[in-house]
PDB file of N, CA and C in Angstrom:
ATOM      1  N   MET A   1      38.515  21.773  52.547  1.00  0.00           N
ATOM      2  CA  MET A   1      39.134  23.205  51.564  1.00  0.00           C
ATOM      3  C   MET A   1      40.933  23.033  51.696  1.00  0.00           C
ATOM      4  N   ASN A   2      41.489  22.426  50.584  1.00  0.00           N
ATOM      5  CA  ASN A   2      43.077  22.532  50.395  1.00  0.00           C
ATOM      6  C   ASN A   2      43.385  23.612  50.233  1.00  0.00           C
ATOM      7  N   ALA A   3      44.603  24.246  50.365  1.00  0.00           N
ATOM      8  CA  ALA A   3      45.652  25.652  50.060  1.00  0.00           C
ATOM      9  C   ALA A   3      45.502  26.055  48.214  1.00  0.00           C
ATOM     10  N   GLN A   4      45.669  24.776  47.165  1.00  0.00           N
ATOM     11  CA  GLN A   4      44.930  25.293  45.998  1.00  0.00           C
ATOM     12  C   GLN A   4      43.716  25.980  45.949  1.00  0.00           C
ATOM     13  N   GLN A   5      42.572  24.650  46.826  1.00  0.00           N
ATOM     14  CA  GLN A   5      41.148  25.277  45.892  1.00  0.00           C
ATOM     15  C   GLN A   5      41.013  26.950  46.820  1.00  0.00           C
ATOM     16  N   SER A   6      41.297  26.673  48.009  1.00  0.00           N
ATOM     17  CA  SER A   6      40.957  28.346  48.714  1.00  0.00           C
ATOM     18  C   SER A   6      41.848  29.331  47.881  1.00  0.00           C
ATOM     19  N   GLY A   7      42.989  29.313  48.004  1.00  0.00           N
ATOM     20  CA  GLY A   7      43.659  29.941  46.717  1.00  0.00           C
ATOM     21  C   GLY A   7      42.857  30.577  45.215  1.00  0.00           C
ATOM     22  N   LYS A   8      42.721  29.526  44.434  1.00  0.00           N
ATOM     23  CA  LYS A   8      41.807  29.487  43.539  1.00  0.00           C
ATOM     24  C   LYS A   8      40.285  30.458  43.803  1.00  0.00           C
ATOM     25  N   LEU A   9      39.737  30.200  44.575  1.00  0.00           N
ATOM     26  CA  LEU A   9      38.379  30.726  45.228  1.00  0.00           C
ATOM     27  C   LEU A   9      39.112  32.444  45.606  1.00  0.00           C
ATOM     28  N   GLY A  10      39.898  32.410  46.167  1.00  0.00           N
ATOM     29  CA  GLY A  10      40.441  33.627  46.571  1.00  0.00           C
ATOM     30  C   GLY A  10      40.321  34.551  45.270  1.00  0.00           C
ATOM     31  N   GLU A  11      41.904  34.226  44.290  1.00  0.00           N
ATOM     32  CA  GLU A  11      41.625  34.870  42.449  1.00  0.00           C
ATOM     33  C   GLU A  11      40.788  35.223  42.092  1.00  0.00           C
ATOM     34  N   ASP A  12      39.325  34.069  42.285  1.00  0.00           N
ATOM     35  CA  ASP A  12      37.889  34.142  41.965  1.00  0.00           C
ATOM     36  C   ASP A  12      37.578  35.212  42.167  1.00  0.00           C
ATOM     37  N   ALA A  13      37.144  35.726  43.426  1.00  0.00           N
ATOM     38  CA  ALA A  13      36.984  36.576  44.381  1.00  0.00           C
ATOM     39  C   ALA A  13      37.136  38.293  43.612  1.00  0.00           C
ATOM     40  N   ALA A  14      38.641  37.709  43.900  1.00  0.00           N
ATOM     41  CA  ALA A  14      39.847  39.263  43.304  1.00  0.00           C
ATOM     42  C   ALA A  14      39.572  39.709  41.853  1.00  0.00           C
ATOM     43  N   CYS A  15      38.761  38.559  41.140  1.00  0.00           N
ATOM     44  CA  CYS A  15      38.660  38.590  39.242  1.00  0.00           C
ATOM     45  C   CYS A  15      37.578  39.439  39.592  1.00  0.00           C
ATOM     46  N   VAL A  16      36.228  39.316  40.020  1.00  0.00           N
ATOM     47  CA  VAL A  16      34.628  39.626  40.618  1.00  0.00           C
ATOM     48  C   VAL A  16      35.180  41.240  41.528  1.00  0.00           C
ATOM     49  N   TYR A  17      35.788  41.430  41.808  1.00  0.00           N
ATOM     50  CA  TYR A  17      35.818  42.083  42.620  1.00  0.00           C
ATOM     51  C   TYR A  17      36.536  44.217  41.596  1.00  0.00           C
ATOM     52  N   LEU A  18      37.682  43.412  40.632  1.00  0.00           N
ATOM     53  CA  LEU A  18      38.094  44.028  40.126  1.00  0.00           C
ATOM     54  C   LEU A  18      37.471  44.801  39.029  1.00  0.00           C
ATOM     55  N   LYS A  19      36.634  43.291  38.064  1.00  0.00           N
ATOM     56  CA  LYS A  19      35.753  44.239  37.253  1.00  0.00           C
ATOM     57  C   LYS A  19      34.713  44.743  37.404  1.00  0.00           C
ATOM     58  N   LYS A  20      34.079  44.632  38.855  1.00  0.00           N
ATOM     59  CA  LYS A  20      33.211  45.304  39.436  1.00  0.00           C
ATOM     60  C   LYS A  20      33.856  46.639  39.415  1.00  0.00           C
ATOM     61  N   LYS A  21      34.995  47.353  39.597  1.00  0.00           N
ATOM     62  CA  LYS A  21      35.535  48.315  39.974  1.00  0.00           C
ATOM     63  C   LYS A  21      36.669  49.105  38.389  1.00  0.00           C
ATOM     64  N   ARG A  22      35.726  48.267  37.204  1.00  0.00           N
ATOM     65  CA  ARG A  22      36.149  48.698  36.201  1.00  0.00           C
ATOM     66  C   ARG A  22      37.519  48.316  35.735  1.00  0.00           C
ATOM     67  N   TYR A  23      37.594  47.180  36.251  1.00  0.00           N
ATOM     68  CA  TYR A  23      39.689  46.849  35.668  1.00  0.00           C
ATOM     69  C   TYR A  23      39.253  45.995  34.526  1.00  0.00           C
ATOM     70  N   ALA A  24      39.863  45.326  33.557  1.00  0.00           N
ATOM     71  CA  ALA A  24      40.052  44.682  32.395  1.00  0.00           C
ATOM     72  C   ALA A  24      41.024  43.642  33.230  1.00  0.00           C
ATOM     73  N   ILE A  25      40.478  42.381  32.745  1.00  0.00           N
ATOM     74  CA  ILE A  25      41.474  41.238  33.383  1.00  0.00           C
ATOM     75  C   ILE A  25      41.943  40.878  32.122  1.00  0.00           C
ATOM     76  N   LEU A  26      43.540  41.091  32.057  1.00  0.00           N
ATOM     77  CA  LEU A  26      44.277  40.899  30.965  1.00  0.00           C
ATOM     78  C   LEU A  26      44.906  39.591  30.614  1.00  0.00           C
ATOM     79  N   ALA A  27      45.466  39.272  31.741  1.00  0.00           N
ATOM     80  CA  ALA A  27      45.514  37.694  31.996  1.00  0.00           C
ATOM     81  C   ALA A  27      45.664  37.068  34.012  1.00  0.00           C
ATOM     82  N   ARG A  28      45.615  35.573  34.133  1.00  0.00           N
ATOM     83  CA  ARG A  28      45.760  35.229  35.152  1.00  0.00           C
ATOM     84  C   ARG A  28      46.628  34.398  35.169  1.00  0.00           C
ATOM     85  N   ASN A  29      47.862  33.998  36.342  1.00  0.00           N
ATOM     86  CA  ASN A  29      48.723  33.289  36.503  1.00  0.00           C
ATOM     87  C   ASN A  29      49.850  32.751  35.435  1.00  0.00           C
ATOM     88  N   TYR A  30      50.090  34.262  35.383  1.00  0.00           N
ATOM     89  CA  TYR A  30      51.305  34.626  34.311  1.00  0.00           C
ATOM     90  C   TYR A  30      52.235  34.238  34.987  1.00  0.00           C
ATOM     91  N   ARG A  31      53.143  32.874  34.204  1.00  0.00           N
ATOM     92  CA  ARG A  31      54.084  32.078  34.568  1.00  0.00           C
ATOM     93  C   ARG A  31      55.211  32.910  34.537  1.00  0.00           C
ATOM     94  N   LYS A  32      56.652  32.565  34.747  1.00  0.00           N
ATOM     95  CA  LYS A  32      57.762  32.492  33.977  1.00  0.00           C
ATOM     96  C   LYS A  32      59.086  31.122  35.454  1.00  0.00           C
ATOM     97  N   ARG A  33      60.151  31.242  34.981  1.00  0.00           N
ATOM     98  CA  ARG A  33      60.560  30.489  35.389  1.00  0.00           C
ATOM     99  C   ARG A  33      60.799  31.020  37.146  1.00  0.00           C
ATOM    100  N   PHE A  34      61.152  32.449  37.108  1.00  0.00           N
ATOM    101  CA  PHE A  34      61.329  33.182  38.613  1.00  0.00           C
ATOM    102  C   PHE A  34      59.913  33.438  39.145  1.00  0.00           C
ATOM    103  N   GLY A  35      59.368  33.395  38.429  1.00  0.00           N
ATOM    104  CA  GLY A  35      57.722  33.728  39.388  1.00  0.00           C
ATOM    105  C   GLY A  35      56.943  33.963  38.386  1.00  0.00           C
ATOM    106  N   GLU A  36      55.542  33.983  39.529  1.00  0.00           N
ATOM    107  CA  GLU A  36      54.129  34.224  39.347  1.00  0.00           C
ATOM    108  C   GLU A  36      53.252  34.934  39.356  1.00  0.00           C
ATOM    109  N   ILE A  37      52.722  35.851  38.116  1.00  0.00           N
ATOM    110  CA  ILE A  37      51.453  36.693  39.037  1.00  0.00           C
ATOM    111  C   ILE A  37      50.114  36.611  38.772  1.00  0.00           C
ATOM    112  N   ASP A  38      49.549  36.575  40.124  1.00  0.00           N
ATOM    113  CA  ASP A  38      47.961  35.800  40.278  1.00  0.00           C
ATOM    114  C   ASP A  38      47.105  36.813  39.367  1.00  0.00           C
ATOM    115  N   ILE A  39      47.298  38.109  38.895  1.00  0.00           N
ATOM    116  CA  ILE A  39      46.038  38.912  38.178  1.00  0.00           C
ATOM    117  C   ILE A  39      46.955  40.057  37.406  1.00  0.00           C
ATOM    118  N   ILE A  40      46.812  40.011  36.458  1.00  0.00           N
ATOM    119  CA  ILE A  40      47.177  40.954  35.326  1.00  0.00           C
ATOM    120  C   ILE A  40      45.740  41.960  34.832  1.00  0.00           C
ATOM    121  N   ALA A  41      45.806  43.013  35.014  1.00  0.00           N
ATOM    122  CA  ALA A  41      44.517  43.846  35.103  1.00  0.00           C
ATOM    123  C   ALA A  41      44.866  45.383  34.602  1.00  0.00           C
ATOM    124  N   GLN A  42      44.244  45.898  34.005  1.00  0.00           N
ATOM    125  CA  GLN A  42      43.814  47.294  33.326  1.00  0.00           C
ATOM    126  C   GLN A  42      42.882  47.959  33.662  1.00  0.00           C
ATOM    127  N   ARG A  43      43.564  49.380  34.070  1.00  0.00           N
ATOM    128  CA  ARG A  43      42.552  50.408  34.519  1.00  0.00           C
ATOM    129  C   ARG A  43      42.768  51.419  33.159  1.00  0.00           C
ATOM    130  N   LYS A  44      41.879  52.011  32.613  1.00  0.00           N
ATOM    131  CA  LYS A  44      42.267  52.864  31.542  1.00  0.00           C
ATOM    132  C   LYS A  44      43.563  52.856  31.051  1.00  0.00           C
ATOM    133  N   SER A  45      44.589  53.562  31.508  1.00  0.00           N
ATOM    134  CA  SER A  45      46.219  53.505  30.900  1.00  0.00           C
ATOM    135  C   SER A  45      47.353  52.699  31.876  1.00  0.00           C
ATOM    136  N   LYS A  46      46.734  52.632  32.065  1.00  0.00           N
ATOM    137  CA  LYS A  46      47.461  51.840  34.126  1.00  0.00           C
ATOM    138  C   LYS A  46      47.971  49.949  33.872  1.00  0.00           C
ATOM    139  N   ILE A  47      48.637  49.322  33.626  1.00  0.00           N
ATOM    140  CA  ILE A  47      48.572  47.931  33.868  1.00  0.00           C
ATOM    141  C   ILE A  47      48.769  47.808  35.605  1.00  0.00           C
ATOM    142  N   VAL A  48      48.135  46.799  35.960  1.00  0.00           N
ATOM    143  CA  VAL A  48      48.247  46.769  37.219  1.00  0.00           C
ATOM    144  C   VAL A  48      48.575  45.056  37.528  1.00  0.00           C
ATOM    145  N   PHE A  49      49.293  44.810  38.475  1.00  0.00           N
ATOM    146  CA  PHE A  49      49.877  43.508  38.575  1.00  0.00           C
ATOM    147  C   PHE A  49      49.695  43.264  40.020  1.00  0.00           C
ATOM    148  N   VAL A  50      48.444  42.107  40.105  1.00  0.00           N
ATOM    149  CA  VAL A  50      47.679  41.940  41.388  1.00  0.00           C
ATOM    150  C   VAL A  50      48.566  40.706  42.133  1.00  0.00           C
ATOM    151  N   GLU A  51      49.033  40.462  43.653  1.00  0.00           N
ATOM    152  CA  GLU A  51      49.495  39.502  43.644  1.00  0.00           C
ATOM    153  C   GLU A  51      48.029  39.007  45.107  1.00  0.00           C
ATOM    154  N   VAL A  52      47.507  38.089  44.935  1.00  0.00           N
ATOM    155  CA  VAL A  52      46.234  38.006  45.827  1.00  0.00           C
ATOM    156  C   VAL A  52      46.803  37.055  46.658  1.00  0.00           C
ATOM    157  N   LYS A  53      46.285  37.224  48.079  1.00  0.00           N
ATOM    158  CA  LYS A  53      46.582  36.545  49.539  1.00  0.00           C
ATOM    159  C   LYS A  53      45.168  36.093  49.867  1.00  0.00           C
ATOM    160  N   THR A  54      45.168  34.971  50.161  1.00  0.00           N
ATOM    161  CA  THR A  54      43.692  34.053  50.867  1.00  0.00           C
ATOM    162  C   THR A  54      44.550  33.527  52.104  1.00  0.00           C
ATOM    163  N   ARG A  55      43.920  33.759  53.020  1.00  0.00           N
ATOM    164  CA  ARG A  55      43.696  33.285  54.092  1.00  0.00           C
ATOM    165  C   ARG A  55      41.885  33.017  54.503  1.00  0.00           C
ATOM    166  N   SER A  56      41.928  32.300  55.694  1.00  0.00           N
ATOM    167  CA  SER A  56      40.986  31.335  56.380  1.00  0.00           C
ATOM    168  C   SER A  56      40.550  32.033  57.925  1.00  0.00           C
ATOM    169  N   GLY A  57      41.568  33.054  58.125  1.00  0.00           N
ATOM    170  CA  GLY A  57      41.682  33.835  58.984  1.00  0.00           C
ATOM    171  C   GLY A  57      42.903  34.611  59.169  1.00  0.00           C
ATOM    172  N   ALA A  58      42.551  35.370  60.167  1.00  0.00           N
ATOM    173  CA  ALA A  58      44.211  36.136  60.507  1.00  0.00           C
ATOM    174  C   ALA A  58      45.220  35.691  61.811  1.00  0.00           C
ATOM    175  N   GLY A  59      44.919  34.695  61.484  1.00  0.00           N
ATOM    176  CA  GLY A  59      45.633  34.031  62.804  1.00  0.00           C
ATOM    177  C   GLY A  59      47.352  34.021  62.676  1.00  0.00           C
ATOM    178  N   TYR A  60      47.647  34.182  61.701  1.00  0.00           N
ATOM    179  CA  TYR A  60      48.770  33.909  61.713  1.00  0.00           C
ATOM    180  C   TYR A  60      49.785  35.430  60.739  1.00  0.00           C
ATOM    181  N   GLY A  61      48.418  36.165  60.632  1.00  0.00           N
ATOM    182  CA  GLY A  61      48.941  37.303  60.454  1.00  0.00           C
ATOM    183  C   GLY A  61      47.960  37.994  59.105  1.00  0.00           C
ATOM    184  N   MET A  62      47.435  39.033  58.624  1.00  0.00           N
ATOM    185  CA  MET A  62      47.012  39.739  57.835  1.00  0.00           C
ATOM    186  C   MET A  62      47.826  38.994  56.822  1.00  0.00           C
ATOM    187  N   PRO A  63      47.150  38.668  55.547  1.00  0.00           N
ATOM    188  CA  PRO A  63      47.533  38.121  54.233  1.00  0.00           C
ATOM    189  C   PRO A  63      48.506  38.774  53.589  1.00  0.00           C
ATOM    190  N   SER A  64      48.508  40.656  53.519  1.00  0.00           N
ATOM    191  CA  SER A  64      49.553  40.998  52.744  1.00  0.00           C
ATOM    192  C   SER A  64      50.856  41.141  53.361  1.00  0.00           C
ATOM    193  N   GLU A  65      50.741  40.792  54.517  1.00  0.00           N
ATOM    194  CA  GLU A  65      51.863  40.911  55.201  1.00  0.00           C
ATOM    195  C   GLU A  65      52.853  39.502  54.735  1.00  0.00           C
ATOM    196  N   ALA A  66      52.114  38.611  54.102  1.00  0.00           N
ATOM    197  CA  ALA A  66      53.260  37.481  53.194  1.00  0.00           C
ATOM    198  C   ALA A  66      53.819  37.800  52.027  1.00  0.00           C
ATOM    199  N   VAL A  67      53.503  38.979  51.734  1.00  0.00           N
ATOM    200  CA  VAL A  67      54.037  39.547  50.320  1.00  0.00           C
ATOM    201  C   VAL A  67      55.619  40.725  51.022  1.00  0.00           C
ATOM    202  N   ASP A  68      56.113  39.554  50.904  1.00  0.00           N
ATOM    203  CA  ASP A  68      57.311  40.496  51.612  1.00  0.00           C
ATOM    204  C   ASP A  68      58.636  40.662  50.514  1.00  0.00           C
ATOM    205  N   TYR A  69      59.633  41.307  51.261  1.00  0.00           N
ATOM    206  CA  TYR A  69      60.914  42.036  50.023  1.00  0.00           C
ATOM    207  C   TYR A  69      61.614  41.080  49.051  1.00  0.00           C
ATOM    208  N   TYR A  70      61.396  39.569  49.305  1.00  0.00           N
ATOM    209  CA  TYR A  70      61.451  38.460  48.835  1.00  0.00           C
ATOM    210  C   TYR A  70      60.690  38.648  47.131  1.00  0.00           C
ATOM    211  N   LYS A  71      59.198  38.252  47.606  1.00  0.00           N
ATOM    212  CA  LYS A  71      58.298  37.998  46.918  1.00  0.00           C
ATOM    213  C   LYS A  71      58.276  38.972  45.763  1.00  0.00           C
ATOM    214  N   GLN A  72      58.005  40.479  46.871  1.00  0.00           N
ATOM    215  CA  GLN A  72      58.091  41.594  46.102  1.00  0.00           C
ATOM    216  C   GLN A  72      58.549  41.595  44.368  1.00  0.00           C
ATOM    217  N   GLN A  73      60.077  41.154  44.611  1.00  0.00           N
ATOM    218  CA  GLN A  73      61.178  41.082  43.707  1.00  0.00           C
ATOM    219  C   GLN A  73      61.270  40.722  43.027  1.00  0.00           C
ATOM    220  N   LYS A  74      60.115  39.295  43.107  1.00  0.00           N
ATOM    221  CA  LYS A  74      59.686  37.954  41.994  1.00  0.00           C
ATOM    222  C   LYS A  74      58.825  38.677  41.360  1.00  0.00           C
ATOM    223  N   ILE A  75      58.231  39.336  42.218  1.00  0.00           N
ATOM    224  CA  ILE A  75      56.891  39.601  41.001  1.00  0.00           C
ATOM    225  C   ILE A  75      57.150  40.818  40.353  1.00  0.00           C
ATOM    226  N   ILE A  76      58.279  41.448  40.531  1.00  0.00           N
ATOM    227  CA  ILE A  76      58.659  42.952  39.571  1.00  0.00           C
ATOM    228  C   ILE A  76      59.177  42.106  38.629  1.00  0.00           C
ATOM    229  N   LYS A  77      60.171  41.215  38.862  1.00  0.00           N
ATOM    230  CA  LYS A  77      60.904  40.637  37.878  1.00  0.00           C
ATOM    231  C   LYS A  77      59.925  40.204  36.850  1.00  0.00           C
ATOM    232  N   THR A  78      59.147  38.982  36.995  1.00  0.00           N
ATOM    233  CA  THR A  78      58.227  38.564  36.238  1.00  0.00           C
ATOM    234  C   THR A  78      56.938  39.701  35.266  1.00  0.00           C
ATOM    235  N   ALA A  79      56.952  40.918  36.089  1.00  0.00           N
ATOM    236  CA  ALA A  79      56.233  42.129  35.420  1.00  0.00           C
ATOM    237  C   ALA A  79      56.618  42.954  34.721  1.00  0.00           C
ATOM    238  N   GLN A  80      58.051  42.439  34.606  1.00  0.00           N
ATOM    239  CA  GLN A  80      59.498  43.366  33.636  1.00  0.00           C
ATOM    240  C   GLN A  80      59.017  42.413  32.227  1.00  0.00           C
ATOM    241  N   SER A  81      59.590  40.881  32.359  1.00  0.00           N
ATOM    242  CA  SER A  81      58.977  39.883  31.615  1.00  0.00           C
ATOM    243  C   SER A  81      57.831  39.625  30.579  1.00  0.00           C
ATOM    244  N   TYR A  82      56.721  39.857  31.396  1.00  0.00           N
ATOM    245  CA  TYR A  82      55.438  40.648  31.194  1.00  0.00           C
ATOM    246  C   TYR A  82      55.052  41.694  30.081  1.00  0.00           C
ATOM    247  N   LEU A  83      55.802  42.459  30.661  1.00  0.00           N
ATOM    248  CA  LEU A  83      55.652  43.899  30.029  1.00  0.00           C
ATOM    249  C   LEU A  83      56.792  44.098  28.056  1.00  0.00           C
ATOM    250  N   LEU A  84      57.866  43.052  28.440  1.00  0.00           N
ATOM    251  CA  LEU A  84      58.353  42.652  27.395  1.00  0.00           C
ATOM    252  C   LEU A  84      57.835  42.161  26.309  1.00  0.00           C
ATOM    253  N   GLU A  85      57.540  41.260  26.827  1.00  0.00           N
ATOM    254  CA  GLU A  85      56.650  40.184  26.079  1.00  0.00           C
ATOM    255  C   GLU A  85      55.558  40.682  24.958  1.00  0.00           C
ATOM    256  N   HIS A  86      54.592  41.779  25.836  1.00  0.00           N
ATOM    257  CA  HIS A  86      53.871  42.195  24.749  1.00  0.00           C
ATOM    258  C   HIS A  86      53.874  43.607  24.388  1.00  0.00           C
ATOM    259  N   ARG A  87      54.784  44.240  24.436  1.00  0.00           N
ATOM    260  CA  ARG A  87      55.864  44.891  23.808  1.00  0.00           C
ATOM    261  C   ARG A  87      54.693  46.625  24.812  1.00  0.00           C
ATOM    262  N   LEU A  88      54.569  46.490  26.061  1.00  0.00           N
ATOM    263  CA  LEU A  88      53.829  47.196  26.881  1.00  0.00           C
ATOM    264  C   LEU A  88      54.787  48.217  27.346  1.00  0.00           C
ATOM    265  N   ASP A  89      54.375  49.399  27.402  1.00  0.00           N
ATOM    266  CA  ASP A  89      54.983  50.537  28.720  1.00  0.00           C
ATOM    267  C   ASP A  89      54.038  51.611  29.006  1.00  0.00           C
ATOM    268  N   GLY A  90      54.562  52.103  29.888  1.00  0.00           N
ATOM    269  CA  GLY A  90      53.500  53.439  30.312  1.00  0.00           C
ATOM    270  C   GLY A  90      53.592  53.181  31.866  1.00  0.00           C
ATOM    271  N   GLU A  91      52.262  53.214  32.489  1.00  0.00           N
ATOM    272  CA  GLU A  91      51.924  53.486  33.813  1.00  0.00           C
ATOM    273  C   GLU A  91      52.332  52.064  34.199  1.00  0.00           C
ATOM    274  N   ILE A  92      52.783  51.674  35.237  1.00  0.00           N
ATOM    275  CA  ILE A  92      52.420  50.527  35.996  1.00  0.00           C
ATOM    276  C   ILE A  92      51.846  50.360  37.501  1.00  0.00           C
ATOM    277  N   ALA A  93      51.681  49.792  38.105  1.00  0.00           N
ATOM    278  CA  ALA A  93      51.274  49.380  39.573  1.00  0.00           C
ATOM    279  C   ALA A  93      51.259  48.264  40.205  1.00  0.00           C
ATOM    280  N   PHE A  94      51.718  47.848  41.340  1.00  0.00           N
ATOM    281  CA  PHE A  94      51.686  46.751  41.962  1.00  0.00           C
ATOM    282  C   PHE A  94      50.601  46.541  43.196  1.00  0.00           C
ATOM    283  N   ASP A  95      49.365  46.193  42.864  1.00  0.00           N
ATOM    284  CA  ASP A  95      48.491  45.749  44.309  1.00  0.00           C
ATOM    285  C   ASP A  95      48.496  44.469  45.112  1.00  0.00           C
ATOM    286  N   VAL A  96      48.138  44.471  46.169  1.00  0.00           N
ATOM    287  CA  VAL A  96      47.707  43.229  46.852  1.00  0.00           C
ATOM    288  C   VAL A  96      46.294  43.599  46.958  1.00  0.00           C
ATOM    289  N   ILE A  97      45.571  42.276  47.188  1.00  0.00           N
ATOM    290  CA  ILE A  97      44.085  42.057  47.814  1.00  0.00           C
ATOM    291  C   ILE A  97      44.555  40.963  48.363  1.00  0.00           C
ATOM    292  N   GLU A  98      44.004  41.028  49.451  1.00  0.00           N
ATOM    293  CA  GLU A  98      43.920  40.348  50.605  1.00  0.00           C
ATOM    294  C   GLU A  98      42.230  39.761  50.687  1.00  0.00           C
ATOM    295  N   VAL A  99      42.313  38.537  50.437  1.00  0.00           N
ATOM    296  CA  VAL A  99      40.545  37.888  50.393  1.00  0.00           C
ATOM    297  C   VAL A  99      40.763  36.701  51.785  1.00  0.00           C
ATOM    298  N   LEU A 100      39.854  37.044  52.981  1.00  0.00           N
ATOM    299  CA  LEU A 100      39.616  36.145  53.670  1.00  0.00           C
ATOM    300  C   LEU A 100      37.981  35.105  53.563  1.00  0.00           C
ATOM    301  N   LEU A 101      39.017  33.994  53.628  1.00  0.00           N
ATOM    302  CA  LEU A 101      37.356  32.824  53.862  1.00  0.00           C
ATOM    303  C   LEU A 101      37.027  32.464  55.375  1.00  0.00           C
ATOM    304  N   SER A 102      35.840  31.739  55.207  1.00  0.00           N
ATOM    305  CA  SER A 102      35.394  31.212  56.305  1.00  0.00           C
ATOM    306  C   SER A 102      34.561  30.093  55.544  1.00  0.00           C
ATOM    307  N   GLY A 103      34.494  28.863  56.106  1.00  0.00           N
ATOM    308  CA  GLY A 103      33.491  28.176  55.670  1.00  0.00           C
ATOM    309  C   GLY A 103      33.804  27.838  53.984  1.00  0.00           C
ATOM    310  N   GLY A 104      34.631  27.812  53.252  1.00  0.00           N
ATOM    311  CA  GLY A 104      34.466  28.104  52.329  1.00  0.00           C
ATOM    312  C   GLY A 104      33.833  29.245  51.515  1.00  0.00           C
ATOM    313  N   LYS A 105      33.466  30.348  51.936  1.00  0.00           N
ATOM    314  CA  LYS A 105      32.718  31.752  51.535  1.00  0.00           C
ATOM    315  C   LYS A 105      33.692  32.713  52.010  1.00  0.00           C
ATOM    316  N   VAL A 106      33.526  33.624  51.167  1.00  0.00           N
ATOM    317  CA  VAL A 106      34.346  34.884  51.022  1.00  0.00           C
ATOM    318  C   VAL A 106      33.831  35.662  51.948  1.00  0.00           C
ATOM    319  N   LEU A 107      34.491  35.884  53.062  1.00  0.00           N
ATOM    320  CA  LEU A 107      34.203  36.469  54.018  1.00  0.00           C
ATOM    321  C   LEU A 107      34.697  38.537  53.385  1.00  0.00           C
ATOM    322  N   SER A 108      35.585  38.619  53.409  1.00  0.00           N
ATOM    323  CA  SER A 108      35.924  40.058  52.629  1.00  0.00           C
ATOM    324  C   SER A 108      36.740  39.890  51.721  1.00  0.00           C
ATOM    325  N   VAL A 109      36.871  41.419  50.601  1.00  0.00           N
ATOM    326  CA  VAL A 109      38.013  41.410  49.759  1.00  0.00           C
ATOM    327  C   VAL A 109      38.965  42.937  50.551  1.00  0.00           C
ATOM    328  N   ASN A 110      40.031  42.736  50.366  1.00  0.00           N
ATOM    329  CA  ASN A 110      40.551  44.266  50.720  1.00  0.00           C
ATOM    330  C   ASN A 110      41.687  43.897  49.648  1.00  0.00           C
ATOM    331  N   HIS A 111      41.420  45.481  48.886  1.00  0.00           N
ATOM    332  CA  HIS A 111      42.392  45.902  47.859  1.00  0.00           C
ATOM    333  C   HIS A 111      42.962  47.142  48.654  1.00  0.00           C
ATOM    334  N   ILE A 112      44.833  46.547  48.263  1.00  0.00           N
ATOM    335  CA  ILE A 112      45.735  47.313  48.961  1.00  0.00           C
ATOM    336  C   ILE A 112      45.929  47.997  47.451  1.00  0.00           C
ATOM    337  N   GLU A 113      46.139  49.374  47.262  1.00  0.00           N
ATOM    338  CA  GLU A 113      46.732  49.913  45.926  1.00  0.00           C
ATOM    339  C   GLU A 113      47.917  50.560  46.090  1.00  0.00           C
ATOM    340  N   ASN A 114      48.752  50.068  44.758  1.00  0.00           N
ATOM    341  CA  ASN A 114      50.139  50.466  45.089  1.00  0.00           C
ATOM    342  C   ASN A 114      51.003  50.067  46.388  1.00  0.00           C
ATOM    343  N   ALA A 115      50.661  48.574  46.609  1.00  0.00           N
ATOM    344  CA  ALA A 115      50.896  48.468  47.917  1.00  0.00           C
ATOM    345  C   ALA A 115      52.756  48.028  48.154  1.00  0.00           C
ATOM    346  N   PHE A 116      53.318  48.217  46.679  1.00  0.00           N
ATOM    347  CA  PHE A 116      54.783  48.475  46.542  1.00  0.00           C
ATOM    348  C   PHE A 116      55.543  48.931  45.308  1.00  0.00           C
ATOM    349  N   ILE A 117      56.810  49.502  45.704  1.00  0.00           N
ATOM    350  CA  ILE A 117      56.934  50.493  44.338  1.00  0.00           C
ATOM    351  C   ILE A 117      58.135  49.780  43.640  1.00  0.00           C
ATOM    352  N   THR A 118      58.584  49.629  42.543  1.00  0.00           N
ATOM    353  CA  THR A 118      59.988  49.186  42.400  1.00  0.00           C
ATOM    354  C   THR A 118      61.058  49.881  42.138  1.00  0.00           C
TER     355      THR A 118
END
């Protein structure tokens, strides 16, 4: 399984997880020239921008560790663009979902709510 396939599997698992937690999925893979947001979801009145990190083990650290300051700034800028484009205002959050795989199967999904702030 290549990185693109495992990333898609991780994003799919994250969407299933969020739907079970009563989030509505508004968009997937929202792209602008300066960044991408894996999942944009809504729970009640809160818009949640979700970065999904998928790994086949923790040999290189936990997946969430890859969401460094630089990556956070790209996500924030892209989120601002989404909010302007869709004329949305109100409470927002930035979450990270870690997905661990083994042999092409999902081992675990870890949802880190409010992983970073603007």
